[in-house]
Amino acid sequence: MRDLTNEILELIRRTSSSLPPDVEKQLRDAVEKEALGSPARGALETILKNVELSRANSTPICQDTGTPIFYVHYPEGWSTRKLKEQIRAALAEATKRSYMRPNAVDAVYDKNSGNNLGGDDFPSVHFEEIDSDHPLTIELMLKGGGCENVGRQYSLPDNSLGAGRDLAGVRKVVLDAVQKAQGQGCAPGILGVAIGGDRGSSYAKSKEVLFSEMGTRNEDPKLAALEERLTSEANEMGIGPMGFGGRTTVLDTKITGLHRLPASYYVSVSYMCWAYRRRRMTVKGEEVEYA
C-alpha cells in the first residue's frame, strides 16, 4: 500500500494556511455590502489581509488551528489502519513544522500532548468504503474552538421559543442559536444544521454537511428554501462581522435531514467561523490532486 504521509502533510498545510476559493469569494463579496469606514467593513478587510498573508507565508490562518476532522473515502483493498497511522504521522509532523498549533489537551489531567495527537479520537477520522474503481479521497476540516463553543442542540418542542416539531420550529431554534452566538463565534459564520437523528448522529451530521461547497443548495426544495431564508433572516439581525454590527452575520446555511425516533426531534446547529478551513485531496494512481 502506498505511503501518503507527505501528501497528507501537504493537505494539512493547505487547509491550515489557505482558505478555499469559494469561501474567500463570499468574504470578498461581503466587504462590498458593508458601508465605507464602518467597523464591519474594517473587520472584513482585516480578515482578508490575514487570509492573503497566511497563504503567502504558509502560516495558520488562525492561532486556533482547530479540531482536525478527516473523512476518508477509500476504495476496496486499502487498509484503514495504515491510513490512520499515516494521517496521525502527518499531523504530528505538521505540528512540528507549525502548520498546526499543538491543541490536543487531555481533559482529565489538563496536559497538552504537544503533537495534536490524543488517544483514538483526536484527530477525528471517519472512514467510508467506496467502489474499487473510484479514487481515494481524503477531506479535512479544521473546526475552531471558538465557533464550536457557540454550537447548540435543541430538543423540540421547545416551549420557551414557541418552536414545534416542524420546519417552522427548526427555523426558530436556528435563529435563536445565531442570536445567542452574537460575535463570539467569529462571525460572519456558516451554519451547519441537522434535523433529526439522535444526539450524537445529529451533531456529527451538522458538521459533515459543512464539507459541501458554498452556495450549493439541498436537493430537497423545502430544505433549500429554508437554507436561503435562514441566511437572509440571520443577516437581518444586524450582528455583523465579529459582532460589530453590519449586514453580514452569516455567509451561508447548510441543512441535512435525518430519520429519528418518534419520541425525539433534535435540531443540531454547528457554527463555523469565517476561517472556514476545509480541503480535499484525491489520489488517482500516482497523481494527487488538491482542491
Protein backbone atom coordinates (compact mmCIF):
# COMPACT_ATOMS: atom_id res chain seq x y z
CA MET A 1 0.00 0.00 0.00
CA ARG A 2 1.27 3.47 -0.91
CA ASP A 3 2.60 5.71 1.85
CA LEU A 4 0.70 9.03 1.64
CA THR A 5 2.13 10.67 4.75
CA ASN A 6 3.82 13.51 2.86
CA GLU A 7 0.77 14.10 0.68
CA ILE A 8 -1.47 14.27 3.76
CA LEU A 9 1.02 16.67 5.34
CA GLU A 10 0.55 18.93 2.30
CA LEU A 11 -3.23 18.65 2.69
CA ILE A 12 -2.91 19.84 6.29
CA ARG A 13 -0.64 22.73 5.28
CA ARG A 14 -3.07 23.90 2.64
CA THR A 15 -6.09 23.56 4.90
CA SER A 16 -4.50 25.49 7.76
CA SER A 17 -2.98 28.30 5.69
CA SER A 18 -5.20 28.82 2.65
CA LEU A 19 -8.96 29.36 2.56
CA PRO A 20 -10.84 27.59 -0.27
CA PRO A 21 -11.72 29.86 -3.23
CA ASP A 22 -15.48 29.66 -2.63
CA VAL A 23 -15.07 30.88 0.96
CA GLU A 24 -12.73 33.71 0.04
CA LYS A 25 -15.13 34.84 -2.69
CA GLN A 26 -18.01 35.03 -0.22
CA LEU A 27 -15.91 37.13 2.14
CA ARG A 28 -14.86 39.50 -0.66
CA ASP A 29 -18.47 39.86 -1.76
CA ALA A 30 -19.44 40.60 1.83
CA VAL A 31 -16.98 43.52 2.01
CA GLU A 32 -18.85 45.34 -0.73
CA LYS A 33 -22.12 45.09 1.21
CA GLU A 34 -20.76 46.99 4.21
CA ALA A 35 -20.56 50.79 4.47
CA LEU A 36 -17.25 52.52 3.82
CA GLY A 37 -15.45 53.28 7.07
CA SER A 38 -17.75 51.06 9.13
CA PRO A 39 -16.40 48.66 11.79
CA ALA A 40 -17.97 45.79 9.81
CA ARG A 41 -16.10 46.67 6.63
CA GLY A 42 -12.87 47.23 8.57
CA ALA A 43 -13.20 43.79 10.20
CA LEU A 44 -13.71 42.07 6.85
CA GLU A 45 -10.82 43.94 5.23
CA THR A 46 -8.56 42.86 8.11
CA ILE A 47 -9.76 39.27 7.73
CA LEU A 48 -8.92 39.28 4.02
CA LYS A 49 -5.49 40.78 4.62
CA ASN A 50 -4.86 37.99 7.11
CA VAL A 51 -6.02 35.42 4.54
CA GLU A 52 -3.51 36.75 1.98
CA LEU A 53 -0.59 36.81 4.43
CA SER A 54 -1.31 33.31 5.73
CA ARG A 55 -1.37 31.87 2.23
CA ALA A 56 1.85 33.66 1.22
CA ASN A 57 3.75 32.55 4.33
CA SER A 58 2.21 29.08 4.86
CA THR A 59 1.21 30.12 8.36
CA PRO A 60 -2.05 29.25 10.13
CA ILE A 61 -4.99 31.48 9.27
CA CYS A 62 -5.96 31.47 12.95
CA GLN A 63 -3.99 30.78 16.12
CA ASP A 64 -6.70 28.24 16.97
CA THR A 65 -5.92 25.64 14.33
CA GLY A 66 -8.95 23.67 15.42
CA THR A 67 -10.02 20.08 15.80
CA PRO A 68 -8.83 18.12 12.73
CA ILE A 69 -11.80 16.21 11.27
CA PHE A 70 -10.92 13.78 8.47
CA TYR A 71 -13.35 11.97 6.19
CA VAL A 72 -11.63 9.22 4.21
CA HIS A 73 -13.46 7.64 1.26
CA TYR A 74 -11.32 4.61 0.40
CA PRO A 75 -11.62 2.01 -2.39
CA GLU A 76 -11.82 -1.67 -1.50
CA GLY A 77 -8.39 -3.05 -0.70
CA TRP A 78 -6.95 -0.08 1.20
CA SER A 79 -6.02 -0.57 4.86
CA THR A 80 -7.87 1.84 7.15
CA ARG A 81 -5.43 1.03 9.93
CA LYS A 82 -2.44 2.11 7.83
CA LEU A 83 -4.27 5.17 6.51
CA LYS A 84 -5.00 6.28 10.06
CA GLU A 85 -1.34 5.76 11.00
CA GLN A 86 -0.30 7.96 8.07
CA ILE A 87 -2.81 10.66 8.99
CA ARG A 88 -1.55 10.74 12.58
CA ALA A 89 2.10 10.82 11.46
CA ALA A 90 1.35 13.68 9.06
CA LEU A 91 -0.49 15.63 11.76
CA ALA A 92 2.39 15.26 14.20
CA GLU A 93 4.84 16.49 11.54
CA ALA A 94 2.52 19.38 10.63
CA THR A 95 2.53 20.43 14.28
CA LYS A 96 6.34 20.21 14.38
CA ARG A 97 6.51 22.50 11.33
CA SER A 98 3.99 24.93 12.89
CA TYR A 99 1.33 24.38 10.23
CA MET A 100 -0.76 23.37 13.24
CA ARG A 101 -0.67 24.66 16.80
CA PRO A 102 -0.48 21.91 19.46
CA ASN A 103 -4.10 21.84 20.59
CA ALA A 104 -4.80 18.36 21.96
CA VAL A 105 -5.28 18.70 25.72
CA ASP A 106 -6.17 15.77 27.98
CA ALA A 107 -9.40 16.95 29.62
CA VAL A 108 -8.85 14.88 32.79
CA TYR A 109 -5.20 15.73 33.50
CA ASP A 110 -5.04 19.10 31.68
CA LYS A 111 -1.90 18.07 29.81
CA ASN A 112 -1.13 19.02 26.21
CA SER A 113 0.19 16.13 24.11
CA GLY A 114 2.36 18.59 22.19
CA ASN A 115 1.76 17.00 18.79
CA ASN A 116 -2.02 17.22 18.22
CA LEU A 117 -2.44 13.51 18.90
CA GLY A 118 -4.67 12.39 21.73
CA GLY A 119 -5.93 8.83 22.18
CA ASP A 120 -8.04 7.26 19.44
CA ASP A 121 -10.33 10.24 18.94
CA PHE A 122 -8.01 13.21 18.32
CA PRO A 123 -7.82 13.74 15.42
CA SER A 124 -11.30 12.64 14.44
CA VAL A 125 -11.11 10.22 11.48
CA HIS A 126 -14.15 8.80 9.66
CA PHE A 127 -13.85 6.03 7.07
CA GLU A 128 -16.25 5.05 4.29
CA GLU A 129 -15.54 2.27 1.79
CA ILE A 130 -16.36 3.05 -1.84
CA ASP A 131 -16.22 1.10 -5.12
CA SER A 132 -12.76 -0.05 -6.17
CA ASP A 133 -12.86 1.94 -9.42
CA HIS A 134 -13.20 5.25 -7.54
CA PRO A 135 -10.16 7.23 -6.33
CA LEU A 136 -9.16 7.53 -2.70
CA THR A 137 -10.39 10.85 -1.33
CA ILE A 138 -9.41 12.47 1.97
CA GLU A 139 -11.33 15.52 3.18
CA LEU A 140 -10.13 17.64 6.09
CA MET A 141 -11.90 20.28 8.12
CA LEU A 142 -10.27 22.30 10.91
CA LYS A 143 -13.05 23.29 13.33
CA GLY A 144 -12.05 26.09 15.67
CA GLY A 145 -12.93 26.03 19.36
CA GLY A 146 -14.49 29.49 19.46
CA CYS A 147 -17.16 28.64 16.89
CA GLU A 148 -17.57 25.16 18.36
CA ASN A 149 -18.45 26.76 21.69
CA VAL A 150 -21.48 28.55 20.23
CA GLY A 151 -22.93 25.49 18.52
CA ARG A 152 -26.26 24.36 20.00
CA GLN A 153 -28.60 21.41 20.11
CA TYR A 154 -32.35 21.69 20.66
CA SER A 155 -34.97 19.10 21.55
CA LEU A 156 -38.32 20.01 20.03
CA PRO A 157 -40.86 21.07 21.03
CA ASP A 158 -39.18 23.99 22.81
CA ASN A 159 -41.94 25.88 24.60
CA SER A 160 -39.63 28.73 25.64
CA LEU A 161 -39.14 29.60 21.96
CA GLY A 162 -42.56 28.55 20.72
CA ALA A 163 -40.84 26.02 18.47
CA GLY A 164 -42.82 22.96 17.45
CA ARG A 165 -41.82 19.76 15.70
CA ASP A 166 -41.80 21.13 12.17
CA LEU A 167 -39.67 23.26 9.86
CA ALA A 168 -41.16 26.42 11.36
CA GLY A 169 -39.83 25.25 14.72
CA VAL A 170 -36.45 24.44 13.16
CA ARG A 171 -36.27 27.99 11.82
CA LYS A 172 -36.93 29.46 15.29
CA VAL A 173 -34.24 27.48 17.07
CA VAL A 174 -31.58 28.06 14.39
CA LEU A 175 -32.15 31.81 14.54
CA ASP A 176 -32.03 31.57 18.34
CA ALA A 177 -28.60 29.93 18.04
CA VAL A 178 -27.37 32.78 15.84
CA GLN A 179 -28.76 35.40 18.22
CA LYS A 180 -27.11 33.77 21.23
CA ALA A 181 -23.78 33.44 19.42
CA GLN A 182 -23.57 37.18 18.66
CA GLY A 183 -19.95 37.83 17.62
CA GLN A 184 -18.44 35.12 19.81
CA GLY A 185 -18.30 32.54 17.02
CA CYS A 186 -16.09 34.85 14.90
CA ALA A 187 -18.80 35.96 12.50
CA PRO A 188 -19.52 36.00 9.66
CA GLY A 189 -20.32 32.35 10.19
CA ILE A 190 -21.59 29.39 8.23
CA LEU A 191 -24.38 27.30 9.73
CA GLY A 192 -24.43 23.52 9.54
CA VAL A 193 -27.85 22.23 10.60
CA ALA A 194 -29.01 18.65 11.12
CA ILE A 195 -32.68 17.87 11.69
CA GLY A 196 -33.41 14.53 13.37
CA GLY A 197 -31.18 11.63 14.38
CA ASP A 198 -30.11 11.06 17.97
CA ARG A 199 -27.92 13.44 19.96
CA GLY A 200 -24.68 12.00 18.58
CA SER A 201 -25.57 11.44 14.93
CA SER A 202 -27.33 14.82 14.74
CA TYR A 203 -24.24 16.73 15.85
CA ALA A 204 -21.96 14.65 13.60
CA LYS A 205 -24.11 15.31 10.52
CA SER A 206 -24.36 19.03 11.28
CA LYS A 207 -20.58 19.15 10.84
CA GLU A 208 -20.42 16.76 7.90
CA VAL A 209 -22.79 18.94 5.87
CA LEU A 210 -20.24 21.77 6.14
CA PHE A 211 -17.97 19.92 3.68
CA SER A 212 -20.27 20.94 0.82
CA GLU A 213 -19.40 23.92 -1.39
CA MET A 214 -20.63 27.40 -0.51
CA GLY A 215 -23.76 28.46 -2.36
CA THR A 216 -24.92 24.95 -3.23
CA ARG A 217 -28.41 24.05 -2.05
CA ASN A 218 -30.03 20.93 -0.65
CA GLU A 219 -31.73 18.81 -3.30
CA ASP A 220 -34.95 18.88 -1.27
CA PRO A 221 -36.75 22.11 -2.28
CA LYS A 222 -38.19 22.61 1.22
CA LEU A 223 -34.75 22.43 2.82
CA ALA A 224 -33.21 24.53 0.05
CA ALA A 225 -35.76 27.28 0.67
CA LEU A 226 -35.12 27.10 4.41
CA GLU A 227 -31.35 27.38 3.87
CA GLU A 228 -31.82 30.61 1.93
CA ARG A 229 -34.37 32.01 4.37
CA LEU A 230 -32.19 31.34 7.42
CA THR A 231 -29.17 33.05 5.84
CA SER A 232 -31.27 36.07 4.89
CA GLU A 233 -33.01 36.39 8.26
CA ALA A 234 -29.79 35.88 10.22
CA ASN A 235 -28.27 38.79 8.29
CA GLU A 236 -31.24 40.96 9.17
CA MET A 237 -30.26 40.69 12.87
CA GLY A 238 -27.51 43.26 12.39
CA ILE A 239 -24.92 41.34 14.44
CA GLY A 240 -22.36 41.66 11.67
CA PRO A 241 -18.70 40.66 11.32
CA MET A 242 -17.14 39.87 14.71
CA GLY A 243 -20.30 41.27 16.34
CA PHE A 244 -19.51 44.85 15.28
CA GLY A 245 -22.86 45.32 13.54
CA GLY A 246 -23.49 45.26 9.81
CA ARG A 247 -25.17 43.32 7.06
CA THR A 248 -23.11 40.12 7.10
CA THR A 249 -23.68 37.84 10.08
CA VAL A 250 -23.98 34.55 8.18
CA LEU A 251 -22.37 33.68 4.83
CA ASP A 252 -24.33 30.51 4.14
CA THR A 253 -26.54 27.81 5.68
CA LYS A 254 -26.33 24.06 5.06
CA ILE A 255 -29.12 21.71 6.18
CA THR A 256 -29.45 17.93 6.22
CA GLY A 257 -32.39 15.83 7.36
CA LEU A 258 -32.15 12.52 9.25
CA HIS A 259 -34.58 9.86 10.39
CA ARG A 260 -35.46 9.97 14.10
CA LEU A 261 -37.33 8.03 16.74
CA PRO A 262 -40.95 9.12 17.33
CA ALA A 263 -40.03 10.23 20.85
CA SER A 264 -37.20 12.56 19.74
CA TYR A 265 -36.87 15.59 17.48
CA TYR A 266 -33.36 17.05 17.67
CA VAL A 267 -32.04 20.05 15.80
CA SER A 268 -28.26 20.49 15.96
CA VAL A 269 -26.50 23.67 14.85
CA SER A 270 -22.77 23.61 14.15
CA TYR A 271 -21.47 27.15 13.76
CA MET A 272 -18.40 27.55 11.57
CA CYS A 273 -16.37 30.75 11.86
CA TRP A 274 -15.22 32.85 8.90
CA ALA A 275 -11.98 30.78 8.92
CA TYR A 276 -13.88 28.04 7.09
CA ARG A 277 -10.92 25.71 6.66
CA ARG A 278 -11.70 22.63 4.60
CA ARG A 279 -9.74 21.00 1.81
CA ARG A 280 -9.73 17.74 -0.15
CA MET A 281 -7.08 15.52 -1.74
CA THR A 282 -7.78 12.87 -4.38
CA VAL A 283 -5.38 10.05 -5.24
CA LYS A 284 -5.58 8.79 -8.83
CA GLY A 285 -2.85 6.25 -9.45
CA GLU A 286 0.42 8.09 -8.85
CA GLU A 287 -1.20 11.52 -9.11
CA VAL A 288 -2.50 13.52 -6.15
CA GLU A 289 -4.86 16.45 -6.70
CA TYR A 290 -5.80 19.07 -4.10
CA ALA A 291 -8.98 21.14 -4.03
